[in-house]
Amino acid sequence: MLTFLKSWALPTAARPDNFHAVLIERSGRWYNACLRITGDPDLAADAVQDALLRAWRRRGEFRGDSELDTWIHRIALNAAIDLMRQRKPQPADEFDADSFMAAPSASPDNEYTQHALGKDLGVALRRLTSMERQSFLLKHVEGWRLEEIAESLQTNVNNTKQALFRAVRKLRVDLHVWRGES
């Protein structure tokens, strides 16, 4: 009886049935976001698993200020960043461009173009430092604010701005062909 009452005391979105529905519907989205951060399928899966455990344990803290999906998505990204922070830096972090460019194509020409762009993008993203890549992805793919990125990466806003500037500059150089420049 107490568990039942506790369940109903939670905001509607944080109730177990809603939690499970969001999990089934959105877990692929969280995994893909974590994969973009980590560049490693195993680390991404670990990050999602950690995020779901954290979210489940802290479901009573969910206030309903945002959608449950958004709340868990944010926890998952933070878990991926935490895993990257704990991981020893490696000379060339691998990045799976196919996971970044996951949109299906309609024609062989589009498929070839997307594959070529994905390959070039993967090479360009591997050139970035971990800080530059994470800052770039959080800002331009996930839409985070500079303050959120700085807090999540445990740095200040100026360092985040510099990492973003360096990332964009490197990507512009590496992807100039795709911008129609010679």
N, C-alpha and C. Protein backbone atom coordinates (compact mmCIF):
# COMPACT_ATOMS: atom_id res chain seq x y z
N MET A 1 0.82 -1.19 0.00
CA MET A 1 0.00 0.00 0.00
C MET A 1 0.87 1.25 0.00
N LEU A 2 1.93 1.27 0.79
CA LEU A 2 2.80 2.43 0.86
C LEU A 2 3.46 2.70 -0.49
N THR A 3 3.90 1.64 -1.18
CA THR A 3 4.51 1.81 -2.51
C THR A 3 3.50 2.41 -3.46
N PHE A 4 2.27 1.95 -3.40
CA PHE A 4 1.22 2.47 -4.27
C PHE A 4 1.02 3.96 -4.02
N LEU A 5 0.95 4.36 -2.75
CA LEU A 5 0.76 5.77 -2.42
C LEU A 5 1.96 6.61 -2.84
N LYS A 6 3.17 6.08 -2.64
CA LYS A 6 4.36 6.80 -3.08
C LYS A 6 4.34 7.00 -4.58
N SER A 7 3.90 6.00 -5.32
CA SER A 7 3.84 6.10 -6.77
C SER A 7 2.92 7.25 -7.18
N TRP A 8 1.78 7.37 -6.53
CA TRP A 8 0.85 8.43 -6.89
C TRP A 8 1.29 9.79 -6.37
N ALA A 9 2.20 9.83 -5.43
CA ALA A 9 2.73 11.11 -4.95
C ALA A 9 3.73 11.70 -5.94
N LEU A 10 4.25 10.86 -6.84
CA LEU A 10 5.20 11.34 -7.85
C LEU A 10 4.45 12.14 -8.90
N PRO A 11 5.14 13.10 -9.55
CA PRO A 11 4.51 13.75 -10.70
C PRO A 11 4.10 12.68 -11.71
N THR A 12 3.04 12.93 -12.45
CA THR A 12 2.51 11.94 -13.38
C THR A 12 3.59 11.36 -14.28
N ALA A 13 4.47 12.20 -14.83
CA ALA A 13 5.48 11.73 -15.77
C ALA A 13 6.50 10.81 -15.11
N ALA A 14 6.69 10.91 -13.79
CA ALA A 14 7.71 10.11 -13.12
C ALA A 14 7.16 8.80 -12.57
N ARG A 15 5.88 8.53 -12.76
CA ARG A 15 5.33 7.27 -12.29
C ARG A 15 5.93 6.11 -13.07
N PRO A 16 6.06 4.95 -12.44
CA PRO A 16 6.72 3.82 -13.10
C PRO A 16 6.19 3.49 -14.48
N ASP A 17 4.86 3.51 -14.68
CA ASP A 17 4.32 3.17 -15.99
C ASP A 17 4.74 4.18 -17.05
N ASN A 18 4.78 5.46 -16.70
CA ASN A 18 5.24 6.48 -17.64
C ASN A 18 6.74 6.37 -17.87
N PHE A 19 7.48 6.07 -16.83
CA PHE A 19 8.93 5.90 -16.94
C PHE A 19 9.25 4.80 -17.94
N HIS A 20 8.56 3.68 -17.82
CA HIS A 20 8.80 2.55 -18.71
C HIS A 20 8.38 2.87 -20.14
N ALA A 21 7.30 3.60 -20.32
CA ALA A 21 6.86 3.98 -21.67
C ALA A 21 7.89 4.87 -22.35
N VAL A 22 8.42 5.83 -21.60
CA VAL A 22 9.45 6.72 -22.16
C VAL A 22 10.71 5.92 -22.45
N LEU A 23 11.05 5.00 -21.58
CA LEU A 23 12.23 4.15 -21.79
C LEU A 23 12.12 3.38 -23.11
N ILE A 24 11.01 2.78 -23.34
CA ILE A 24 10.81 1.99 -24.57
C ILE A 24 10.86 2.89 -25.80
N GLU A 25 10.25 4.05 -25.71
CA GLU A 25 10.14 4.94 -26.86
C GLU A 25 11.43 5.69 -27.16
N ARG A 26 12.19 6.08 -26.14
CA ARG A 26 13.29 7.03 -26.34
C ARG A 26 14.69 6.50 -26.08
N SER A 27 14.85 5.25 -25.66
CA SER A 27 16.17 4.77 -25.30
C SER A 27 17.15 4.82 -26.48
N GLY A 28 16.68 4.62 -27.69
CA GLY A 28 17.55 4.73 -28.87
C GLY A 28 18.08 6.14 -29.05
N ARG A 29 17.26 7.12 -28.78
CA ARG A 29 17.68 8.53 -28.87
C ARG A 29 18.77 8.83 -27.85
N TRP A 30 18.61 8.32 -26.64
CA TRP A 30 19.62 8.55 -25.60
C TRP A 30 20.92 7.86 -25.96
N TYR A 31 20.81 6.65 -26.47
CA TYR A 31 22.00 5.90 -26.87
C TYR A 31 22.76 6.65 -27.97
N ASN A 32 22.05 7.11 -28.99
CA ASN A 32 22.71 7.84 -30.08
C ASN A 32 23.39 9.11 -29.59
N ALA A 33 22.75 9.82 -28.68
CA ALA A 33 23.36 11.03 -28.13
C ALA A 33 24.63 10.69 -27.35
N CYS A 34 24.58 9.63 -26.57
CA CYS A 34 25.76 9.20 -25.81
C CYS A 34 26.85 8.70 -26.75
N LEU A 35 26.47 8.04 -27.82
CA LEU A 35 27.44 7.56 -28.79
C LEU A 35 28.17 8.72 -29.46
N ARG A 36 27.45 9.80 -29.73
CA ARG A 36 28.10 10.98 -30.32
C ARG A 36 29.12 11.58 -29.35
N ILE A 37 28.84 11.50 -28.06
CA ILE A 37 29.77 12.04 -27.06
C ILE A 37 30.97 11.12 -26.88
N THR A 38 30.71 9.83 -26.73
CA THR A 38 31.80 8.90 -26.40
C THR A 38 32.53 8.36 -27.62
N GLY A 39 31.82 8.21 -28.72
CA GLY A 39 32.43 7.62 -29.91
C GLY A 39 32.66 6.12 -29.76
N ASP A 40 32.12 5.51 -28.72
CA ASP A 40 32.34 4.09 -28.44
C ASP A 40 30.99 3.46 -28.08
N PRO A 41 30.56 2.45 -28.85
CA PRO A 41 29.25 1.84 -28.58
C PRO A 41 29.13 1.26 -27.17
N ASP A 42 30.19 0.67 -26.66
CA ASP A 42 30.13 0.09 -25.31
C ASP A 42 30.01 1.17 -24.25
N LEU A 43 30.79 2.25 -24.40
CA LEU A 43 30.70 3.35 -23.44
C LEU A 43 29.33 4.02 -23.51
N ALA A 44 28.80 4.15 -24.72
CA ALA A 44 27.48 4.76 -24.87
C ALA A 44 26.41 3.92 -24.17
N ALA A 45 26.49 2.61 -24.34
CA ALA A 45 25.53 1.72 -23.68
C ALA A 45 25.69 1.81 -22.16
N ASP A 46 26.92 1.87 -21.68
CA ASP A 46 27.17 2.02 -20.24
C ASP A 46 26.58 3.34 -19.73
N ALA A 47 26.76 4.40 -20.51
CA ALA A 47 26.25 5.72 -20.10
C ALA A 47 24.73 5.70 -20.00
N VAL A 48 24.07 5.09 -20.96
CA VAL A 48 22.61 5.01 -20.91
C VAL A 48 22.16 4.19 -19.72
N GLN A 49 22.84 3.07 -19.50
CA GLN A 49 22.48 2.23 -18.36
C GLN A 49 22.67 3.00 -17.04
N ASP A 50 23.80 3.68 -16.90
CA ASP A 50 24.04 4.49 -15.70
C ASP A 50 22.96 5.57 -15.55
N ALA A 51 22.62 6.20 -16.66
CA ALA A 51 21.62 7.27 -16.62
C ALA A 51 20.26 6.74 -16.19
N LEU A 52 19.88 5.59 -16.70
CA LEU A 52 18.59 5.03 -16.33
C LEU A 52 18.55 4.63 -14.86
N LEU A 53 19.65 4.09 -14.37
CA LEU A 53 19.70 3.76 -12.94
C LEU A 53 19.62 5.01 -12.09
N ARG A 54 20.36 6.05 -12.49
CA ARG A 54 20.31 7.33 -11.75
C ARG A 54 18.91 7.92 -11.79
N ALA A 55 18.31 7.92 -12.97
CA ALA A 55 16.97 8.49 -13.11
C ALA A 55 15.95 7.72 -12.28
N TRP A 56 16.05 6.39 -12.30
CA TRP A 56 15.09 5.59 -11.54
C TRP A 56 15.25 5.84 -10.04
N ARG A 57 16.51 5.88 -9.59
CA ARG A 57 16.75 6.11 -8.16
C ARG A 57 16.32 7.51 -7.73
N ARG A 58 16.41 8.46 -8.65
CA ARG A 58 16.09 9.86 -8.32
C ARG A 58 14.73 10.30 -8.87
N ARG A 59 13.89 9.35 -9.23
CA ARG A 59 12.60 9.70 -9.84
C ARG A 59 11.74 10.56 -8.92
N GLY A 60 11.94 10.41 -7.61
CA GLY A 60 11.20 11.24 -6.67
C GLY A 60 11.62 12.70 -6.71
N GLU A 61 12.80 12.98 -7.26
CA GLU A 61 13.29 14.35 -7.39
C GLU A 61 12.78 15.04 -8.65
N PHE A 62 12.20 14.26 -9.57
CA PHE A 62 11.70 14.83 -10.82
C PHE A 62 10.50 15.72 -10.49
N ARG A 63 10.63 17.02 -10.81
CA ARG A 63 9.61 18.00 -10.46
C ARG A 63 8.58 18.21 -11.57
N GLY A 64 8.89 17.74 -12.75
CA GLY A 64 7.96 17.95 -13.85
C GLY A 64 8.13 19.29 -14.55
N ASP A 65 9.25 19.99 -14.25
CA ASP A 65 9.52 21.27 -14.92
C ASP A 65 9.79 21.07 -16.40
N SER A 66 10.24 19.89 -16.76
CA SER A 66 10.50 19.54 -18.16
C SER A 66 9.86 18.17 -18.42
N GLU A 67 9.93 17.73 -19.66
CA GLU A 67 9.43 16.40 -19.98
C GLU A 67 10.35 15.36 -19.36
N LEU A 68 9.80 14.21 -19.01
CA LEU A 68 10.60 13.13 -18.45
C LEU A 68 11.70 12.72 -19.41
N ASP A 69 11.38 12.66 -20.71
CA ASP A 69 12.37 12.32 -21.73
C ASP A 69 13.55 13.28 -21.71
N THR A 70 13.27 14.56 -21.59
CA THR A 70 14.32 15.58 -21.57
C THR A 70 15.18 15.43 -20.33
N TRP A 71 14.56 15.17 -19.21
CA TRP A 71 15.27 14.99 -17.95
C TRP A 71 16.23 13.80 -18.04
N ILE A 72 15.75 12.67 -18.54
CA ILE A 72 16.60 11.49 -18.67
C ILE A 72 17.67 11.71 -19.72
N HIS A 73 17.33 12.39 -20.82
CA HIS A 73 18.31 12.69 -21.88
C HIS A 73 19.49 13.46 -21.29
N ARG A 74 19.18 14.43 -20.47
CA ARG A 74 20.22 15.25 -19.84
C ARG A 74 21.08 14.40 -18.90
N ILE A 75 20.45 13.53 -18.14
CA ILE A 75 21.19 12.64 -17.25
C ILE A 75 22.10 11.73 -18.07
N ALA A 76 21.61 11.23 -19.20
CA ALA A 76 22.40 10.34 -20.06
C ALA A 76 23.62 11.07 -20.62
N LEU A 77 23.44 12.30 -21.08
CA LEU A 77 24.58 13.05 -21.61
C LEU A 77 25.61 13.31 -20.52
N ASN A 78 25.15 13.64 -19.34
CA ASN A 78 26.08 13.85 -18.23
C ASN A 78 26.81 12.55 -17.87
N ALA A 79 26.11 11.43 -17.95
CA ALA A 79 26.76 10.14 -17.69
C ALA A 79 27.84 9.85 -18.73
N ALA A 80 27.54 10.16 -20.00
CA ALA A 80 28.53 9.96 -21.06
C ALA A 80 29.75 10.84 -20.84
N ILE A 81 29.52 12.07 -20.46
CA ILE A 81 30.63 12.99 -20.19
C ILE A 81 31.45 12.50 -19.01
N ASP A 82 30.77 12.02 -17.98
CA ASP A 82 31.48 11.49 -16.81
C ASP A 82 32.36 10.30 -17.21
N LEU A 83 31.83 9.42 -18.04
CA LEU A 83 32.62 8.26 -18.49
C LEU A 83 33.84 8.71 -19.29
N MET A 84 33.67 9.72 -20.13
CA MET A 84 34.80 10.23 -20.92
C MET A 84 35.84 10.88 -20.01
N ARG A 85 35.38 11.53 -18.98
CA ARG A 85 36.30 12.18 -18.05
C ARG A 85 37.12 11.14 -17.29
N GLN A 86 36.50 10.01 -16.94
CA GLN A 86 37.19 8.96 -16.21
C GLN A 86 38.14 8.17 -17.09
N ARG A 87 37.86 8.15 -18.36
CA ARG A 87 38.64 7.35 -19.30
C ARG A 87 39.99 8.01 -19.54
N LYS A 88 41.02 7.22 -19.64
CA LYS A 88 42.34 7.76 -19.92
C LYS A 88 42.37 8.27 -21.35
N PRO A 89 42.97 9.43 -21.58
CA PRO A 89 43.04 9.94 -22.95
C PRO A 89 43.79 8.96 -23.84
N GLN A 90 43.27 8.78 -25.04
CA GLN A 90 43.90 7.90 -26.00
C GLN A 90 44.38 8.74 -27.18
N PRO A 91 45.44 8.30 -27.87
CA PRO A 91 46.03 9.11 -28.93
C PRO A 91 45.03 9.55 -29.99
N ALA A 92 44.20 8.65 -30.44
CA ALA A 92 43.21 9.02 -31.45
C ALA A 92 41.89 8.39 -31.07
N ASP A 93 41.05 9.19 -30.42
CA ASP A 93 39.73 8.69 -30.06
C ASP A 93 38.98 8.36 -31.34
N GLU A 94 38.39 7.17 -31.37
CA GLU A 94 37.62 6.75 -32.54
C GLU A 94 36.26 7.43 -32.50
N PHE A 95 35.77 7.78 -33.67
CA PHE A 95 34.44 8.37 -33.78
C PHE A 95 33.72 7.69 -34.91
N ASP A 96 32.56 7.15 -34.65
CA ASP A 96 31.78 6.45 -35.65
C ASP A 96 30.89 7.46 -36.37
N ALA A 97 31.31 7.87 -37.55
CA ALA A 97 30.57 8.86 -38.32
C ALA A 97 29.20 8.34 -38.72
N ASP A 98 29.05 7.05 -38.91
CA ASP A 98 27.76 6.49 -39.30
C ASP A 98 26.72 6.72 -38.22
N SER A 99 27.12 6.71 -36.94
CA SER A 99 26.16 6.97 -35.88
C SER A 99 25.75 8.43 -35.86
N PHE A 100 26.61 9.30 -36.32
CA PHE A 100 26.31 10.73 -36.37
C PHE A 100 25.41 11.03 -37.55
N MET A 101 25.66 10.38 -38.67
CA MET A 101 24.91 10.59 -39.90
C MET A 101 23.95 9.42 -40.09
N ALA A 102 22.95 9.31 -39.23
CA ALA A 102 22.11 8.13 -39.24
C ALA A 102 20.88 8.25 -40.13
N ALA A 103 20.69 9.36 -40.81
CA ALA A 103 19.49 9.55 -41.63
C ALA A 103 19.53 8.66 -42.86
N PRO A 104 18.43 7.99 -43.16
CA PRO A 104 18.40 7.15 -44.36
C PRO A 104 18.36 7.99 -45.62
N SER A 105 18.86 7.46 -46.72
CA SER A 105 18.87 8.20 -47.97
C SER A 105 17.93 7.54 -48.96
N ALA A 106 17.46 8.32 -49.94
CA ALA A 106 16.46 7.84 -50.86
C ALA A 106 17.05 7.28 -52.16
N SER A 107 18.22 7.75 -52.55
CA SER A 107 18.78 7.31 -53.82
C SER A 107 20.23 6.88 -53.63
N PRO A 108 20.78 6.13 -54.60
CA PRO A 108 22.19 5.74 -54.50
C PRO A 108 23.13 6.95 -54.44
N ASP A 109 22.80 8.01 -55.19
CA ASP A 109 23.63 9.22 -55.14
C ASP A 109 23.63 9.83 -53.75
N ASN A 110 22.45 9.93 -53.16
CA ASN A 110 22.35 10.48 -51.80
C ASN A 110 23.07 9.59 -50.80
N GLU A 111 22.92 8.29 -50.98
CA GLU A 111 23.58 7.35 -50.08
C GLU A 111 25.10 7.49 -50.16
N TYR A 112 25.61 7.60 -51.37
CA TYR A 112 27.05 7.77 -51.55
C TYR A 112 27.52 9.09 -50.94
N THR A 113 26.75 10.16 -51.21
CA THR A 113 27.11 11.48 -50.68
C THR A 113 27.10 11.47 -49.16
N GLN A 114 26.06 10.87 -48.56
CA GLN A 114 26.00 10.81 -47.10
C GLN A 114 27.13 9.98 -46.52
N HIS A 115 27.45 8.88 -47.19
CA HIS A 115 28.55 8.04 -46.72
C HIS A 115 29.87 8.82 -46.79
N ALA A 116 30.10 9.53 -47.90
CA ALA A 116 31.33 10.30 -48.05
C ALA A 116 31.40 11.44 -47.03
N LEU A 117 30.28 12.13 -46.84
CA LEU A 117 30.24 13.20 -45.84
C LEU A 117 30.47 12.64 -44.44
N GLY A 118 29.82 11.51 -44.14
CA GLY A 118 30.00 10.88 -42.83
C GLY A 118 31.44 10.48 -42.59
N LYS A 119 32.07 9.96 -43.62
CA LYS A 119 33.48 9.55 -43.49
C LYS A 119 34.37 10.77 -43.24
N ASP A 120 34.16 11.83 -44.03
CA ASP A 120 34.95 13.06 -43.85
C ASP A 120 34.66 13.70 -42.50
N LEU A 121 33.41 13.69 -42.09
CA LEU A 121 33.05 14.25 -40.80
C LEU A 121 33.69 13.46 -39.66
N GLY A 122 33.69 12.13 -39.80
CA GLY A 122 34.33 11.29 -38.79
C GLY A 122 35.81 11.59 -38.65
N VAL A 123 36.48 11.74 -39.79
CA VAL A 123 37.91 12.09 -39.78
C VAL A 123 38.10 13.46 -39.12
N ALA A 124 37.26 14.41 -39.50
CA ALA A 124 37.37 15.77 -38.94
C ALA A 124 37.11 15.78 -37.44
N LEU A 125 36.12 15.04 -36.99
CA LEU A 125 35.82 15.00 -35.56
C LEU A 125 36.90 14.30 -34.77
N ARG A 126 37.55 13.31 -35.36
CA ARG A 126 38.66 12.63 -34.67
C ARG A 126 39.84 13.57 -34.49
N ARG A 127 39.97 14.56 -35.34
CA ARG A 127 41.06 15.53 -35.21
C ARG A 127 40.88 16.43 -34.00
N LEU A 128 39.65 16.56 -33.55
CA LEU A 128 39.37 17.44 -32.42
C LEU A 128 39.82 16.77 -31.13
N THR A 129 40.19 17.59 -30.16
CA THR A 129 40.45 17.04 -28.84
C THR A 129 39.12 16.61 -28.23
N SER A 130 39.19 15.85 -27.17
CA SER A 130 37.98 15.40 -26.51
C SER A 130 37.14 16.60 -26.04
N MET A 131 37.79 17.60 -25.49
CA MET A 131 37.09 18.81 -25.02
C MET A 131 36.42 19.53 -26.18
N GLU A 132 37.14 19.66 -27.30
CA GLU A 132 36.58 20.35 -28.46
C GLU A 132 35.38 19.58 -29.01
N ARG A 133 35.52 18.26 -29.14
CA ARG A 133 34.44 17.44 -29.70
C ARG A 133 33.21 17.47 -28.79
N GLN A 134 33.42 17.29 -27.50
CA GLN A 134 32.29 17.30 -26.58
C GLN A 134 31.60 18.66 -26.56
N SER A 135 32.38 19.73 -26.54
CA SER A 135 31.80 21.07 -26.55
C SER A 135 30.99 21.30 -27.82
N PHE A 136 31.59 20.92 -28.95
CA PHE A 136 30.92 21.11 -30.24
C PHE A 136 29.60 20.34 -30.30
N LEU A 137 29.64 19.06 -29.93
CA LEU A 137 28.44 18.24 -30.00
C LEU A 137 27.36 18.71 -29.03
N LEU A 138 27.76 19.08 -27.83
CA LEU A 138 26.77 19.56 -26.87
C LEU A 138 26.14 20.88 -27.33
N LYS A 139 26.93 21.74 -27.92
CA LYS A 139 26.41 23.04 -28.36
C LYS A 139 25.60 22.91 -29.65
N HIS A 140 26.18 22.28 -30.66
CA HIS A 140 25.57 22.33 -31.99
C HIS A 140 24.66 21.15 -32.33
N VAL A 141 24.78 20.05 -31.60
CA VAL A 141 23.89 18.92 -31.85
C VAL A 141 22.82 18.86 -30.76
N GLU A 142 23.24 19.00 -29.51
CA GLU A 142 22.29 18.88 -28.40
C GLU A 142 21.65 20.22 -28.03
N GLY A 143 22.24 21.34 -28.46
CA GLY A 143 21.64 22.65 -28.21
C GLY A 143 21.82 23.17 -26.79
N TRP A 144 22.87 22.75 -26.12
CA TRP A 144 23.11 23.23 -24.76
C TRP A 144 23.63 24.66 -24.78
N ARG A 145 23.40 25.38 -23.68
CA ARG A 145 23.96 26.72 -23.49
C ARG A 145 25.41 26.59 -23.02
N LEU A 146 26.18 27.64 -23.23
CA LEU A 146 27.60 27.62 -22.85
C LEU A 146 27.79 27.32 -21.36
N GLU A 147 26.93 27.91 -20.54
CA GLU A 147 27.05 27.70 -19.10
C GLU A 147 26.82 26.23 -18.74
N GLU A 148 25.87 25.60 -19.41
CA GLU A 148 25.58 24.19 -19.15
C GLU A 148 26.76 23.31 -19.57
N ILE A 149 27.34 23.64 -20.72
CA ILE A 149 28.48 22.86 -21.20
C ILE A 149 29.65 23.01 -20.25
N ALA A 150 29.93 24.24 -19.84
CA ALA A 150 31.05 24.49 -18.94
C ALA A 150 30.86 23.74 -17.62
N GLU A 151 29.66 23.79 -17.09
CA GLU A 151 29.39 23.09 -15.83
C GLU A 151 29.55 21.58 -16.00
N SER A 152 29.02 21.06 -17.09
CA SER A 152 29.08 19.62 -17.32
C SER A 152 30.51 19.13 -17.54
N LEU A 153 31.32 19.93 -18.22
CA LEU A 153 32.71 19.56 -18.50
C LEU A 153 33.67 20.01 -17.40
N GLN A 154 33.12 20.58 -16.34
CA GLN A 154 33.89 21.06 -15.20
C GLN A 154 34.99 22.03 -15.62
N THR A 155 34.57 23.05 -16.34
CA THR A 155 35.48 24.11 -16.77
C THR A 155 34.71 25.41 -16.70
N ASN A 156 35.31 26.48 -17.19
CA ASN A 156 34.60 27.75 -17.18
C ASN A 156 34.10 28.09 -18.59
N VAL A 157 33.27 29.11 -18.67
CA VAL A 157 32.64 29.47 -19.94
C VAL A 157 33.69 29.91 -20.97
N ASN A 158 34.72 30.61 -20.54
CA ASN A 158 35.76 31.05 -21.48
C ASN A 158 36.49 29.86 -22.12
N ASN A 159 36.82 28.85 -21.32
CA ASN A 159 37.46 27.65 -21.87
C ASN A 159 36.53 26.94 -22.85
N THR A 160 35.25 26.92 -22.52
CA THR A 160 34.26 26.30 -23.41
C THR A 160 34.19 27.07 -24.73
N LYS A 161 34.15 28.40 -24.65
CA LYS A 161 34.12 29.22 -25.87
C LYS A 161 35.36 28.96 -26.73
N GLN A 162 36.50 28.90 -26.09
CA GLN A 162 37.74 28.66 -26.83
C GLN A 162 37.73 27.27 -27.49
N ALA A 163 37.24 26.27 -26.77
CA ALA A 163 37.16 24.92 -27.34
C ALA A 163 36.21 24.91 -28.53
N LEU A 164 35.09 25.59 -28.42
CA LEU A 164 34.14 25.67 -29.53
C LEU A 164 34.74 26.39 -30.73
N PHE A 165 35.43 27.48 -30.46
CA PHE A 165 36.07 28.24 -31.54
C PHE A 165 37.09 27.37 -32.27
N ARG A 166 37.93 26.68 -31.50
CA ARG A 166 38.94 25.81 -32.13
C ARG A 166 38.28 24.68 -32.92
N ALA A 167 37.22 24.10 -32.36
CA ALA A 167 36.52 23.00 -33.04
C ALA A 167 35.94 23.47 -34.37
N VAL A 168 35.25 24.60 -34.35
CA VAL A 168 34.63 25.11 -35.57
C VAL A 168 35.70 25.45 -36.60
N ARG A 169 36.78 26.05 -36.14
CA ARG A 169 37.87 26.41 -37.06
C ARG A 169 38.46 25.16 -37.71
N LYS A 170 38.72 24.13 -36.92
CA LYS A 170 39.27 22.88 -37.47
C LYS A 170 38.28 22.21 -38.42
N LEU A 171 37.02 22.19 -38.03
CA LEU A 171 36.01 21.56 -38.89
C LEU A 171 35.84 22.31 -40.20
N ARG A 172 35.90 23.63 -40.15
CA ARG A 172 35.81 24.42 -41.40
C ARG A 172 36.95 24.10 -42.34
N VAL A 173 38.14 23.94 -41.79
CA VAL A 173 39.30 23.61 -42.62
C VAL A 173 39.12 22.21 -43.21
N ASP A 174 38.77 21.25 -42.37
CA ASP A 174 38.67 19.86 -42.83
C ASP A 174 37.49 19.62 -43.76
N LEU A 175 36.43 20.39 -43.61
CA LEU A 175 35.21 20.15 -44.39
C LEU A 175 34.96 21.24 -45.43
N HIS A 176 35.99 21.99 -45.78
CA HIS A 176 35.81 23.09 -46.73
C HIS A 176 35.25 22.63 -48.08
N VAL A 177 35.57 21.42 -48.49
CA VAL A 177 35.05 20.89 -49.76
C VAL A 177 33.52 20.80 -49.72
N TRP A 178 33.00 20.44 -48.58
CA TRP A 178 31.54 20.30 -48.44
C TRP A 178 30.83 21.64 -48.35
N ARG A 179 31.57 22.69 -48.09
CA ARG A 179 31.00 24.03 -48.03
C ARG A 179 31.05 24.71 -49.39
N GLY A 180 31.56 24.01 -50.40
CA GLY A 180 31.63 24.57 -51.74
C GLY A 180 32.83 25.45 -51.96
N GLU A 181 33.81 25.34 -51.07
CA GLU A 181 35.02 26.14 -51.18
C GLU A 181 36.15 25.28 -51.73
N SER A 182 37.13 25.92 -52.32
CA SER A 182 38.27 25.15 -52.83
C SER A 182 39.51 25.38 -52.00
